[in-house]
C-alpha cells in the first residue's frame, strides 16, 4: 500500500483555520493512577540494535479524559541484558493488566482497545527535553489478586505517593542507550 495524496484531496478544505486549537495537549498530566485504553502499540527497531514497543495510552476518566500518555518498552537490547529484562517484565505486566494472564497475545493488535490502569509520574524537564509523563506501572482494572506480584495502585488524590514510589524504580532515561 502506498500513500496517494489525491485520495484525501476531496476532504481538504480552504476554510480550515491555522488558528484552530491544537487537538493534543503535550503538557504532562499530574502524577497518579488513571484508567486508560491502549490506543496503539507498535514494534520498533532501536537504533543501536534490538527491539522495543511504542505504546500510546488514552486516559479514559476524570478531568484528564482523552489525554494521551506515551510509553517506550525496550524488549531486546543486546548491549544491555538488564534493560531487556526490565522491558520484558514491563510488557508482561501490560499484557496481564489487559487480561492476557496466560501469555502474550498472538498479535500486538489484540491489545488495542483494552482497558488498563496506569501509574504515571511527571519526569521533570532536563536539558533540551520538556517535562513529560512516564508510565511506572501497569495495573489491572480490578483489584490485583493476592500474591499476583502486581503493584497495588495508589489513589488519584495521592500524586506525591506515586512520585515517591517511582524513586525506587529504574529511570529508563538514565539507561546508556
C-alpha atoms as a PDB file:
ATOM      1  CA  UNK A   1       0.000   0.000   0.000  1.00  0.00           C
ATOM      2  CA  UNK A   2       1.390   3.381  -0.909  1.00  0.00           C
ATOM      3  CA  UNK A   3       0.264   6.826   0.076  1.00  0.00           C
ATOM      4  CA  UNK A   4      -1.887   8.555  -2.552  1.00  0.00           C
ATOM      5  CA  UNK A   5      -2.429  12.257  -1.739  1.00  0.00           C
ATOM      6  CA  UNK A   6      -5.245  12.505  -4.314  1.00  0.00           C
ATOM      7  CA  UNK A   7      -7.303  10.075  -2.252  1.00  0.00           C
ATOM      8  CA  UNK A   8      -7.595  12.696   0.523  1.00  0.00           C
ATOM      9  CA  UNK A   9      -7.777  15.851  -1.625  1.00  0.00           C
ATOM     10  CA  UNK A  10     -11.603  15.909  -1.519  1.00  0.00           C
ATOM     11  CA  UNK A  11     -11.527  16.223   2.289  1.00  0.00           C
ATOM     12  CA  UNK A  12      -9.073  19.141   2.153  1.00  0.00           C
ATOM     13  CA  UNK A  13     -10.769  22.451   2.858  1.00  0.00           C
ATOM     14  CA  UNK A  14      -9.610  26.021   2.353  1.00  0.00           C
ATOM     15  CA  UNK A  15     -11.647  27.154   5.341  1.00  0.00           C
ATOM     16  CA  UNK A  16      -9.575  25.139   7.866  1.00  0.00           C
ATOM     17  CA  UNK A  17      -8.001  27.738  10.085  1.00  0.00           C
ATOM     18  CA  UNK A  18      -4.396  27.519  11.218  1.00  0.00           C
ATOM     19  CA  UNK A  19      -5.648  29.330  14.327  1.00  0.00           C
ATOM     20  CA  UNK A  20      -7.730  26.329  15.379  1.00  0.00           C
ATOM     21  CA  UNK A  21      -6.796  24.967  18.816  1.00  0.00           C
ATOM     22  CA  UNK A  22      -4.413  22.041  18.924  1.00  0.00           C
ATOM     23  CA  UNK A  23      -6.076  18.673  19.432  1.00  0.00           C
ATOM     24  CA  UNK A  24      -3.329  17.277  21.657  1.00  0.00           C
ATOM     25  CA  UNK A  25      -2.009  18.876  24.825  1.00  0.00           C
ATOM     26  CA  UNK A  26       1.635  17.939  25.382  1.00  0.00           C
ATOM     27  CA  UNK A  27       1.831  19.123  28.982  1.00  0.00           C
ATOM     28  CA  UNK A  28       2.111  16.238  31.447  1.00  0.00           C
ATOM     29  CA  UNK A  29      -0.877  15.137  33.493  1.00  0.00           C
ATOM     30  CA  UNK A  30      -0.391  15.070  37.291  1.00  0.00           C
ATOM     31  CA  UNK A  31       1.274  12.010  38.834  1.00  0.00           C
ATOM     32  CA  UNK A  32      -1.262   9.381  39.865  1.00  0.00           C
ATOM     33  CA  UNK A  33      -3.154   6.300  38.755  1.00  0.00           C
ATOM     34  CA  UNK A  34      -5.528   6.533  35.803  1.00  0.00           C
ATOM     35  CA  UNK A  35      -7.822   4.254  33.825  1.00  0.00           C
ATOM     36  CA  UNK A  36      -6.651   4.198  30.210  1.00  0.00           C
ATOM     37  CA  UNK A  37      -7.197   2.433  26.916  1.00  0.00           C
ATOM     38  CA  UNK A  38      -4.390   1.160  24.757  1.00  0.00           C
ATOM     39  CA  UNK A  39      -4.704   3.294  21.619  1.00  0.00           C
ATOM     40  CA  UNK A  40      -1.737   1.967  19.645  1.00  0.00           C
ATOM     41  CA  UNK A  41       1.161  -0.421  20.116  1.00  0.00           C
ATOM     42  CA  UNK A  42       3.868  -0.971  17.534  1.00  0.00           C
ATOM     43  CA  UNK A  43       7.162  -2.779  17.442  1.00  0.00           C
ATOM     44  CA  UNK A  44      10.143  -0.563  16.664  1.00  0.00           C
ATOM     45  CA  UNK A  45      13.774  -1.243  15.899  1.00  0.00           C
ATOM     46  CA  UNK A  46      16.186   0.519  18.250  1.00  0.00           C
ATOM     47  CA  UNK A  47      18.982   2.492  16.537  1.00  0.00           C
ATOM     48  CA  UNK A  48      21.683   0.601  18.445  1.00  0.00           C
ATOM     49  CA  UNK A  49      20.077  -2.730  17.512  1.00  0.00           C
ATOM     50  CA  UNK A  50      17.299  -4.578  19.252  1.00  0.00           C
ATOM     51  CA  UNK A  51      13.526  -4.266  19.567  1.00  0.00           C
ATOM     52  CA  UNK A  52      11.202  -2.020  21.529  1.00  0.00           C
ATOM     53  CA  UNK A  53       7.490  -1.276  21.748  1.00  0.00           C
ATOM     54  CA  UNK A  54       5.929   2.133  21.281  1.00  0.00           C
ATOM     55  CA  UNK A  55       2.715   2.290  23.348  1.00  0.00           C
ATOM     56  CA  UNK A  56       0.095   5.071  23.212  1.00  0.00           C
ATOM     57  CA  UNK A  57      -2.464   5.136  26.013  1.00  0.00           C
ATOM     58  CA  UNK A  58      -5.523   7.398  26.244  1.00  0.00           C
ATOM     59  CA  UNK A  59      -6.706   8.406  29.714  1.00  0.00           C
ATOM     60  CA  UNK A  60     -10.344   7.309  29.989  1.00  0.00           C
ATOM     61  CA  UNK A  61     -11.572   9.072  33.118  1.00  0.00           C
ATOM     62  CA  UNK A  62     -11.817  12.294  35.070  1.00  0.00           C
ATOM     63  CA  UNK A  63     -10.689  15.732  34.050  1.00  0.00           C
ATOM     64  CA  UNK A  64      -7.803  14.274  32.029  1.00  0.00           C
ATOM     65  CA  UNK A  65     -10.132  12.106  29.916  1.00  0.00           C
ATOM     66  CA  UNK A  66      -8.790  11.880  26.374  1.00  0.00           C
ATOM     67  CA  UNK A  67      -5.235  12.902  27.240  1.00  0.00           C
ATOM     68  CA  UNK A  68      -2.572  10.727  25.687  1.00  0.00           C
ATOM     69  CA  UNK A  69       0.374   9.152  27.518  1.00  0.00           C
ATOM     70  CA  UNK A  70       3.280   7.512  25.717  1.00  0.00           C
ATOM     71  CA  UNK A  71       5.428   4.606  26.874  1.00  0.00           C
ATOM     72  CA  UNK A  72       8.529   3.046  25.329  1.00  0.00           C
ATOM     73  CA  UNK A  73       9.286  -0.547  26.326  1.00  0.00           C
ATOM     74  CA  UNK A  74      12.709  -1.973  25.435  1.00  0.00           C
ATOM     75  CA  UNK A  75      12.182  -5.683  24.740  1.00  0.00           C
ATOM     76  CA  UNK A  76      15.518  -6.856  23.406  1.00  0.00           C
ATOM     77  CA  UNK A  77      18.674  -4.767  23.703  1.00  0.00           C
ATOM     78  CA  UNK A  78      21.703  -6.984  23.075  1.00  0.00           C
ATOM     79  CA  UNK A  79      24.042  -4.430  24.677  1.00  0.00           C
ATOM     80  CA  UNK A  80      22.012  -4.357  27.920  1.00  0.00           C
ATOM     81  CA  UNK A  81      20.556  -7.589  29.305  1.00  0.00           C
ATOM     82  CA  UNK A  82      19.291  -5.677  32.371  1.00  0.00           C
ATOM     83  CA  UNK A  83      17.291  -3.235  30.220  1.00  0.00           C
ATOM     84  CA  UNK A  84      15.910  -6.185  28.236  1.00  0.00           C
ATOM     85  CA  UNK A  85      14.823  -7.915  31.453  1.00  0.00           C
ATOM     86  CA  UNK A  86      13.116  -4.744  32.731  1.00  0.00           C
ATOM     87  CA  UNK A  87      11.354  -4.246  29.390  1.00  0.00           C
ATOM     88  CA  UNK A  88      10.155  -7.835  29.177  1.00  0.00           C
ATOM     89  CA  UNK A  89       8.812  -7.620  32.738  1.00  0.00           C
ATOM     90  CA  UNK A  90       7.028  -4.352  31.874  1.00  0.00           C
ATOM     91  CA  UNK A  91       5.487  -5.961  28.766  1.00  0.00           C
ATOM     92  CA  UNK A  92       4.307  -8.943  30.862  1.00  0.00           C
ATOM     93  CA  UNK A  93       2.645  -6.542  33.305  1.00  0.00           C
ATOM     94  CA  UNK A  94       0.996  -4.614  30.470  1.00  0.00           C
ATOM     95  CA  UNK A  95      -0.357  -7.866  28.976  1.00  0.00           C
ATOM     96  CA  UNK A  96      -1.602  -9.140  32.339  1.00  0.00           C
ATOM     97  CA  UNK A  97      -3.241  -5.802  33.128  1.00  0.00           C
ATOM     98  CA  UNK A  98      -5.030  -6.033  29.761  1.00  0.00           C
ATOM     99  CA  UNK A  99      -6.329  -9.516  30.633  1.00  0.00           C
ATOM    100  CA  UNK A 100      -3.746 -11.703  28.889  1.00  0.00           C
ATOM    101  CA  UNK A 101      -2.750 -13.614  32.031  1.00  0.00           C
ATOM    102  CA  UNK A 102      -1.735 -16.908  30.393  1.00  0.00           C
ATOM    103  CA  UNK A 103       0.745 -15.402  27.948  1.00  0.00           C
ATOM    104  CA  UNK A 104       1.209 -12.619  25.470  1.00  0.00           C
ATOM    105  CA  UNK A 105      -1.368 -12.076  22.733  1.00  0.00           C
ATOM    106  CA  UNK A 106      -0.751 -13.756  19.380  1.00  0.00           C
ATOM    107  CA  UNK A 107      -0.705 -10.309  17.716  1.00  0.00           C
ATOM    108  CA  UNK A 108       0.129  -6.952  19.308  1.00  0.00           C
ATOM    109  CA  UNK A 109      -3.044  -5.504  17.751  1.00  0.00           C
ATOM    110  CA  UNK A 110      -5.094  -7.616  20.191  1.00  0.00           C
ATOM    111  CA  UNK A 111      -4.015  -5.190  22.933  1.00  0.00           C
ATOM    112  CA  UNK A 112      -5.524  -2.173  21.160  1.00  0.00           C
ATOM    113  CA  UNK A 113      -8.728  -1.028  22.836  1.00  0.00           C
ATOM    114  CA  UNK A 114      -8.057  -2.901  26.079  1.00  0.00           C
ATOM    115  CA  UNK A 115      -8.537  -1.009  29.354  1.00  0.00           C
ATOM    116  CA  UNK A 116      -5.754  -0.905  31.958  1.00  0.00           C
ATOM    117  CA  UNK A 117      -4.790   1.270  34.869  1.00  0.00           C
ATOM    118  CA  UNK A 118      -1.529   3.140  34.546  1.00  0.00           C
ATOM    119  CA  UNK A 119       0.523   4.775  37.243  1.00  0.00           C
ATOM    120  CA  UNK A 120       2.340   7.803  35.900  1.00  0.00           C
ATOM    121  CA  UNK A 121       4.851  10.239  37.277  1.00  0.00           C
ATOM    122  CA  UNK A 122       5.987  13.560  35.907  1.00  0.00           C
ATOM    123  CA  UNK A 123       9.530  13.446  34.597  1.00  0.00           C
ATOM    124  CA  UNK A 124      10.986  16.936  35.089  1.00  0.00           C
ATOM    125  CA  UNK A 125      12.398  18.901  32.178  1.00  0.00           C
ATOM    126  CA  UNK A 126      16.033  18.020  31.537  1.00  0.00           C
ATOM    127  CA  UNK A 127      18.344  19.711  29.060  1.00  0.00           C
ATOM    128  CA  UNK A 128      16.567  20.043  25.731  1.00  0.00           C
ATOM    129  CA  UNK A 129      13.631  17.880  26.857  1.00  0.00           C
ATOM    130  CA  UNK A 130      10.445  19.332  28.338  1.00  0.00           C
ATOM    131  CA  UNK A 131       8.650  17.817  31.315  1.00  0.00           C
ATOM    132  CA  UNK A 132       6.756  14.657  30.390  1.00  0.00           C
ATOM    133  CA  UNK A 133       4.876  11.735  31.842  1.00  0.00           C
ATOM    134  CA  UNK A 134       6.432   8.372  32.469  1.00  0.00           C
ATOM    135  CA  UNK A 135       4.426   5.176  32.977  1.00  0.00           C
ATOM    136  CA  UNK A 136       5.878   3.418  36.022  1.00  0.00           C
ATOM    137  CA  UNK A 137       3.279   0.642  36.426  1.00  0.00           C
ATOM    138  CA  UNK A 138       0.527  -1.182  34.562  1.00  0.00           C
ATOM    139  CA  UNK A 139      -2.317  -2.395  36.754  1.00  0.00           C
ATOM    140  CA  UNK A 140      -5.404  -4.496  36.070  1.00  0.00           C
ATOM    141  CA  UNK A 141      -8.720  -2.657  36.163  1.00  0.00           C
ATOM    142  CA  UNK A 142      -9.914  -4.751  39.107  1.00  0.00           C
ATOM    143  CA  UNK A 143      -8.205  -5.417  42.394  1.00  0.00           C
ATOM    144  CA  UNK A 144      -4.962  -7.391  41.905  1.00  0.00           C
ATOM    145  CA  UNK A 145      -5.134 -10.980  43.077  1.00  0.00           C
ATOM    146  CA  UNK A 146      -3.284 -11.709  46.307  1.00  0.00           C
ATOM    147  CA  UNK A 147       0.239 -12.845  45.545  1.00  0.00           C
ATOM    148  CA  UNK A 148      -0.052 -11.861  41.875  1.00  0.00           C
ATOM    149  CA  UNK A 149       3.049  -9.719  42.078  1.00  0.00           C
ATOM    150  CA  UNK A 150       1.121  -6.801  40.601  1.00  0.00           C
ATOM    151  CA  UNK A 151       1.703  -3.468  42.338  1.00  0.00           C
ATOM    152  CA  UNK A 152      -1.108  -2.037  44.416  1.00  0.00           C
ATOM    153  CA  UNK A 153      -2.489   1.130  42.792  1.00  0.00           C
ATOM    154  CA  UNK A 154      -2.219   4.483  44.506  1.00  0.00           C
ATOM    155  CA  UNK A 155      -5.094   6.922  44.723  1.00  0.00           C
ATOM    156  CA  UNK A 156      -5.548   9.682  42.145  1.00  0.00           C
ATOM    157  CA  UNK A 157      -5.508  12.042  45.106  1.00  0.00           C
ATOM    158  CA  UNK A 158      -2.034  10.967  46.174  1.00  0.00           C
ATOM    159  CA  UNK A 159       0.332  12.103  43.402  1.00  0.00           C
ATOM    160  CA  UNK A 160       3.127  12.632  45.900  1.00  0.00           C
ATOM    161  CA  UNK A 161       2.935   8.966  46.883  1.00  0.00           C
ATOM    162  CA  UNK A 162       3.193   7.942  43.219  1.00  0.00           C
ATOM    163  CA  UNK A 163       6.228  10.143  42.744  1.00  0.00           C
ATOM    164  CA  UNK A 164       7.832   8.749  45.913  1.00  0.00           C
ATOM    165  CA  UNK A 165       7.195   5.184  44.752  1.00  0.00           C
ATOM    166  CA  UNK A 166       8.819   5.984  41.417  1.00  0.00           C
ATOM    167  CA  UNK A 167      12.043   6.941  43.196  1.00  0.00           C
ATOM    168  CA  UNK A 168      12.632   3.233  43.809  1.00  0.00           C
ATOM    169  CA  UNK A 169      12.160   2.316  40.142  1.00  0.00           C
ATOM    170  CA  UNK A 170      14.762   2.417  37.393  1.00  0.00           C
ATOM    171  CA  UNK A 171      14.507   5.540  35.243  1.00  0.00           C
ATOM    172  CA  UNK A 172      14.699   4.370  31.630  1.00  0.00           C
ATOM    173  CA  UNK A 173      16.012   7.839  30.772  1.00  0.00           C
ATOM    174  CA  UNK A 174      19.180   7.052  32.687  1.00  0.00           C
ATOM    175  CA  UNK A 175      19.968   3.912  30.692  1.00  0.00           C
ATOM    176  CA  UNK A 176      23.038   4.332  28.468  1.00  0.00           C
ATOM    177  CA  UNK A 177      21.282   3.978  25.079  1.00  0.00           C
END
